[in-house]
N, C-alpha and C. Protein backbone atom coordinates (compact mmCIF):
# COMPACT_ATOMS: atom_id res chain seq x y z
N MET A 1 135.19 96.16 85.31
CA MET A 1 134.19 94.78 86.04
C MET A 1 132.97 95.15 85.37
N SER A 2 132.50 94.06 84.95
CA SER A 2 131.08 93.82 84.74
C SER A 2 130.67 93.61 85.79
N GLY A 3 129.09 94.03 85.60
CA GLY A 3 128.05 94.32 86.35
C GLY A 3 127.58 93.02 86.81
N LYS A 4 127.18 92.72 88.06
CA LYS A 4 126.38 92.11 89.07
C LYS A 4 125.06 92.23 89.28
N ILE A 5 123.59 91.43 89.20
CA ILE A 5 122.47 91.75 89.57
C ILE A 5 121.95 90.87 90.89
N LYS A 6 121.31 91.07 91.60
CA LYS A 6 121.55 90.26 92.84
C LYS A 6 120.19 90.68 92.99
N LEU A 7 119.47 90.04 93.12
CA LEU A 7 117.36 89.41 93.85
C LEU A 7 117.63 89.52 95.38
N SER A 8 116.78 90.24 95.71
CA SER A 8 116.59 90.00 97.22
C SER A 8 115.02 91.04 97.79
N LYS A 9 114.49 90.59 98.95
CA LYS A 9 113.35 91.61 99.16
C LYS A 9 113.27 92.51 100.59
N VAL A 10 113.20 93.10 100.85
CA VAL A 10 112.83 94.06 102.10
C VAL A 10 111.39 94.46 102.39
N GLY A 11 110.73 93.29 102.84
CA GLY A 11 109.48 92.77 103.51
C GLY A 11 108.77 92.77 102.55
N SER A 12 107.92 92.96 101.88
CA SER A 12 107.87 92.03 100.39
C SER A 12 108.09 92.81 99.27
N ILE A 13 109.10 94.28 99.38
CA ILE A 13 109.22 95.07 97.90
C ILE A 13 110.36 94.12 97.65
N PRO A 14 110.31 93.50 95.67
CA PRO A 14 111.52 92.83 95.57
C PRO A 14 112.59 94.55 94.95
N VAL A 15 113.86 93.76 95.64
CA VAL A 15 114.92 94.65 95.34
C VAL A 15 116.17 94.12 94.32
N VAL A 16 116.13 94.84 92.95
CA VAL A 16 117.36 94.35 92.56
C VAL A 16 118.56 95.59 92.51
N LYS A 17 119.56 94.48 93.03
CA LYS A 17 120.71 95.20 93.42
C LYS A 17 121.67 95.04 92.61
N LEU A 18 122.15 96.63 91.63
CA LEU A 18 123.13 96.33 90.66
C LEU A 18 124.36 96.70 90.96
N SER A 19 125.53 95.80 91.15
CA SER A 19 127.02 96.39 91.00
C SER A 19 127.70 95.79 90.26
N GLY A 20 128.76 97.70 89.73
CA GLY A 20 129.74 97.23 88.74
C GLY A 20 128.99 98.34 87.98
N GLU A 21 129.67 97.82 86.80
CA GLU A 21 129.21 98.42 85.60
C GLU A 21 128.39 97.70 84.60
N PHE A 22 127.26 98.48 84.26
CA PHE A 22 125.70 98.06 82.99
C PHE A 22 126.04 98.78 82.50
N THR A 23 126.85 97.88 81.17
CA THR A 23 126.99 98.12 79.54
C THR A 23 126.13 97.22 78.56
N THR A 24 125.62 97.31 77.48
CA THR A 24 125.07 96.75 76.46
C THR A 24 125.42 95.15 76.65
N GLN A 25 125.95 94.43 77.27
CA GLN A 25 126.30 93.08 77.13
C GLN A 25 125.16 93.00 78.38
N LYS A 26 125.52 93.53 79.51
CA LYS A 26 124.44 92.94 80.72
C LYS A 26 122.75 93.37 80.71
N THR A 27 122.52 94.06 79.71
CA THR A 27 121.41 94.83 79.45
C THR A 27 120.57 93.76 78.90
N PRO A 28 120.67 92.44 78.24
CA PRO A 28 119.32 91.33 78.36
C PRO A 28 119.24 91.04 79.56
N GLU A 29 119.99 90.94 80.40
CA GLU A 29 120.07 90.04 81.80
C GLU A 29 119.31 90.93 82.52
N LEU A 30 119.48 92.19 82.69
CA LEU A 30 118.90 92.86 83.63
C LEU A 30 117.25 92.87 83.43
N SER A 31 117.35 93.04 81.36
CA SER A 31 115.74 93.41 80.91
C SER A 31 114.77 92.34 81.28
N LYS A 32 115.53 91.29 81.36
CA LYS A 32 114.76 89.89 81.55
C LYS A 32 114.23 89.69 82.91
N LYS A 33 115.01 89.98 83.86
CA LYS A 33 115.01 89.86 85.27
C LYS A 33 113.99 91.21 85.98
N MET A 34 113.66 92.06 85.11
CA MET A 34 112.84 93.20 85.06
C MET A 34 111.55 92.33 84.63
N GLN A 35 111.31 92.36 83.58
CA GLN A 35 110.19 91.67 82.38
C GLN A 35 109.57 90.63 83.68
N THR A 36 110.12 89.97 84.31
CA THR A 36 109.39 88.69 85.20
C THR A 36 109.25 89.44 86.36
N LEU A 37 109.77 90.53 87.03
CA LEU A 37 109.18 91.19 87.84
C LEU A 37 108.12 91.96 87.64
N THR A 38 107.35 92.51 86.49
CA THR A 38 106.71 92.91 86.44
C THR A 38 105.41 92.33 85.61
N THR A 39 105.47 91.45 85.73
CA THR A 39 104.29 90.51 86.09
C THR A 39 103.69 89.76 86.76
N GLU A 40 104.89 90.09 88.28
CA GLU A 40 104.34 89.19 89.18
C GLU A 40 103.41 90.08 90.04
N GLY A 41 102.96 91.42 89.70
CA GLY A 41 101.79 92.03 90.87
C GLY A 41 102.56 93.13 91.44
N HIS A 42 103.62 93.01 91.98
CA HIS A 42 103.65 93.79 92.83
C HIS A 42 103.46 95.08 92.94
N LYS A 43 103.78 95.77 94.59
CA LYS A 43 102.38 97.69 94.16
C LYS A 43 104.45 98.46 93.87
N VAL A 44 105.41 97.74 94.46
CA VAL A 44 106.58 98.85 94.14
C VAL A 44 107.73 97.80 93.84
N ILE A 45 108.76 98.07 92.86
CA ILE A 45 109.82 97.11 92.98
C ILE A 45 111.11 98.37 93.24
N ALA A 46 111.84 98.31 93.68
CA ALA A 46 113.60 99.00 93.76
C ALA A 46 114.56 98.25 92.86
N ILE A 47 115.14 99.51 92.71
CA ILE A 47 116.33 99.69 92.33
C ILE A 47 117.76 99.62 92.94
N ASP A 48 118.23 99.13 93.88
CA ASP A 48 119.44 99.65 94.54
C ASP A 48 120.23 99.82 93.44
N MET A 49 120.96 101.23 93.52
CA MET A 49 122.25 101.58 92.93
C MET A 49 122.98 101.97 93.93
N SER A 50 122.97 101.61 94.76
CA SER A 50 123.97 102.10 96.16
C SER A 50 125.62 101.48 95.76
N GLU A 51 125.59 100.46 94.86
CA GLU A 51 127.23 99.85 94.02
C GLU A 51 127.26 99.95 92.68
N ALA A 52 126.59 100.65 92.35
CA ALA A 52 126.46 100.94 90.34
C ALA A 52 127.03 101.48 90.31
N ALA A 53 128.64 101.48 89.37
CA ALA A 53 129.54 102.31 89.24
C ALA A 53 129.18 102.86 87.84
N TYR A 54 128.58 102.40 86.96
CA TYR A 54 128.31 102.79 85.72
C TYR A 54 126.80 102.13 84.54
N LEU A 55 126.21 103.12 84.32
CA LEU A 55 125.13 102.58 83.46
C LEU A 55 125.30 103.52 82.25
N ASP A 56 124.80 102.77 81.38
CA ASP A 56 125.00 103.00 79.52
C ASP A 56 123.45 103.15 79.39
N SER A 57 123.71 103.95 78.08
CA SER A 57 121.78 104.44 77.60
C SER A 57 121.24 102.69 77.47
N TYR A 58 121.76 102.07 77.03
CA TYR A 58 120.78 100.71 77.18
C TYR A 58 120.21 100.40 78.29
N CYS A 59 120.98 100.68 79.46
CA CYS A 59 120.58 100.18 80.77
C CYS A 59 119.48 101.12 81.17
N LEU A 60 120.01 102.78 80.58
CA LEU A 60 118.73 103.48 81.47
C LEU A 60 117.85 103.19 80.46
N GLY A 61 117.60 102.49 79.12
CA GLY A 61 116.19 102.04 78.32
C GLY A 61 115.56 101.52 78.96
N VAL A 62 116.39 100.16 79.16
CA VAL A 62 115.63 99.36 80.50
C VAL A 62 114.70 99.44 81.38
N PHE A 63 115.41 100.74 82.05
CA PHE A 63 114.13 100.77 83.20
C PHE A 63 113.35 102.37 82.77
N VAL A 64 113.46 103.16 81.80
CA VAL A 64 112.41 103.48 81.47
C VAL A 64 111.14 102.34 80.85
N TYR A 65 111.51 101.81 80.02
CA TYR A 65 110.19 100.83 79.12
C TYR A 65 109.72 99.56 80.70
N SER A 66 110.88 99.60 81.75
CA SER A 66 110.12 98.95 83.12
C SER A 66 109.10 99.78 83.68
N TRP A 67 109.79 101.24 83.72
CA TRP A 67 108.75 102.06 84.34
C TRP A 67 107.07 101.98 83.58
N LYS A 68 107.41 101.99 82.26
CA LYS A 68 105.97 102.31 81.78
C LYS A 68 105.40 101.21 82.06
N MET A 69 105.77 99.64 81.16
CA MET A 69 104.97 98.76 81.95
C MET A 69 104.78 98.69 84.14
N LEU A 70 105.17 98.46 84.52
CA LEU A 70 105.03 98.58 85.89
C LEU A 70 104.15 99.70 86.51
N ARG A 71 103.60 101.31 85.94
CA ARG A 71 103.10 102.03 85.94
C ARG A 71 101.76 101.41 85.31
N GLU A 72 101.89 101.18 83.81
CA GLU A 72 100.23 100.45 83.47
C GLU A 72 99.78 99.64 84.26
N GLY A 73 100.63 98.84 85.32
CA GLY A 73 100.09 98.08 86.05
C GLY A 73 99.76 98.32 87.53
N GLY A 74 99.79 99.57 87.82
CA GLY A 74 99.38 100.17 89.16
C GLY A 74 100.77 99.76 89.70
N CYS A 75 101.95 99.34 89.41
CA CYS A 75 103.26 99.26 90.45
C CYS A 75 103.95 100.97 90.37
N GLU A 76 104.89 100.81 91.33
CA GLU A 76 106.02 102.29 91.42
C GLU A 76 107.25 101.33 90.91
N LEU A 77 108.13 101.91 90.74
CA LEU A 77 109.68 101.47 90.77
C LEU A 77 110.07 103.01 91.22
N VAL A 78 111.06 102.46 91.88
CA VAL A 78 112.35 103.34 92.58
C VAL A 78 113.51 103.26 92.60
N PHE A 79 114.03 104.31 92.30
CA PHE A 79 115.52 103.63 92.31
C PHE A 79 116.41 104.16 94.25
N LEU A 80 116.67 103.50 94.11
CA LEU A 80 117.30 103.27 95.84
C LEU A 80 118.71 103.52 95.95
N SER A 81 119.17 104.73 96.65
CA SER A 81 120.53 104.79 97.17
C SER A 81 121.36 104.91 96.04
N PRO A 82 121.37 105.60 95.04
CA PRO A 82 122.20 105.60 93.94
C PRO A 82 123.49 106.17 93.88
N SER A 83 124.41 105.98 93.50
CA SER A 83 125.93 106.09 93.94
C SER A 83 126.04 107.50 93.19
N ASP A 84 126.97 108.48 93.46
CA ASP A 84 126.69 109.42 92.84
C ASP A 84 127.71 109.73 91.82
N PHE A 85 127.95 108.97 91.14
CA PHE A 85 128.18 109.10 89.69
C PHE A 85 126.83 108.73 88.73
N VAL A 86 126.08 107.97 89.40
CA VAL A 86 124.58 107.23 88.79
C VAL A 86 123.42 108.51 89.15
N ARG A 87 123.59 109.09 90.92
CA ARG A 87 122.58 110.37 91.04
C ARG A 87 122.69 111.27 89.76
N ASP A 88 123.98 111.73 89.74
CA ASP A 88 124.20 112.71 88.96
C ASP A 88 123.48 112.03 87.32
N LEU A 89 124.12 110.75 86.70
CA LEU A 89 123.50 110.53 85.33
C LEU A 89 121.64 110.62 85.37
N LEU A 90 121.58 110.19 86.19
CA LEU A 90 119.87 110.58 86.83
C LEU A 90 119.35 111.92 86.49
N ASP A 91 120.11 112.69 87.50
CA ASP A 91 119.85 113.93 87.26
C ASP A 91 119.95 114.86 86.10
N GLU A 92 121.19 114.07 85.38
CA GLU A 92 121.55 114.88 83.88
C GLU A 92 120.31 114.40 83.07
N THR A 93 120.00 113.87 82.82
CA THR A 93 118.75 112.49 82.07
C THR A 93 117.52 113.23 82.01
N LYS A 94 117.45 113.44 83.51
CA LYS A 94 115.72 114.28 83.78
C LYS A 94 115.11 112.79 84.34
N LEU A 95 115.59 111.76 84.52
CA LEU A 95 115.08 110.68 84.82
C LEU A 95 114.82 110.55 86.05
N SER A 96 115.43 111.28 87.28
CA SER A 96 115.10 111.69 89.01
C SER A 96 113.70 111.97 88.44
N GLN A 97 113.07 113.01 87.45
CA GLN A 97 112.07 113.71 87.82
C GLN A 97 110.71 112.64 87.77
N VAL A 98 111.00 111.39 86.90
CA VAL A 98 109.86 110.52 86.35
C VAL A 98 109.84 109.19 87.47
N ILE A 99 111.10 108.71 87.73
CA ILE A 99 110.98 107.49 88.79
C ILE A 99 111.72 108.44 90.08
N LYS A 100 110.82 108.06 91.30
CA LYS A 100 111.29 108.52 92.33
C LYS A 100 112.81 108.20 92.14
N VAL A 101 113.81 108.44 93.12
CA VAL A 101 114.55 108.25 93.99
C VAL A 101 115.13 107.96 95.38
N VAL A 102 115.14 106.81 95.77
CA VAL A 102 114.79 107.29 97.30
C VAL A 102 115.75 106.62 98.26
N GLU A 103 116.42 106.88 99.88
CA GLU A 103 117.15 106.59 100.44
C GLU A 103 117.12 105.12 100.99
N ASN A 104 115.71 105.12 101.44
CA ASN A 104 115.56 103.97 102.28
C ASN A 104 113.96 103.54 101.55
N LEU A 105 113.07 103.00 101.60
CA LEU A 105 112.61 101.82 101.76
C LEU A 105 111.17 101.75 102.42
N ASP A 106 111.85 103.10 104.04
CA ASP A 106 110.43 102.93 105.01
C ASP A 106 109.38 103.39 104.58
N ARG A 107 109.08 104.16 103.60
CA ARG A 107 107.34 105.28 103.85
C ARG A 107 106.92 103.83 102.81
N PHE A 108 107.31 102.87 101.76
CA PHE A 108 106.57 101.83 101.32
C PHE A 108 106.52 100.67 101.83
N GLU A 109 107.26 100.02 103.06
CA GLU A 109 106.78 99.06 103.91
C GLU A 109 105.30 99.10 104.88
């Protein structure tokens, strides 16, 4: 199942919802959406991973690059409600120690 990307907002926070599998083929689309958001001056950007079934290393690289760019601009990137598989992946790669993992956006609104 190919990955789908949907943009929405929770209050003033842009949310990038990932559904399905994210492999090399979806990386350019994801990267483009993240680049657009990094230039818009948000304080927080959330990646909703509740329906993400799989992420490959290219996708993780997009997040690391985006996190770095956002942090330099004073913005925070957070992972929202990752699925069990994705949560394990974030923990194993130690990415969850660098980018916050949250279950809701209440404290950011």
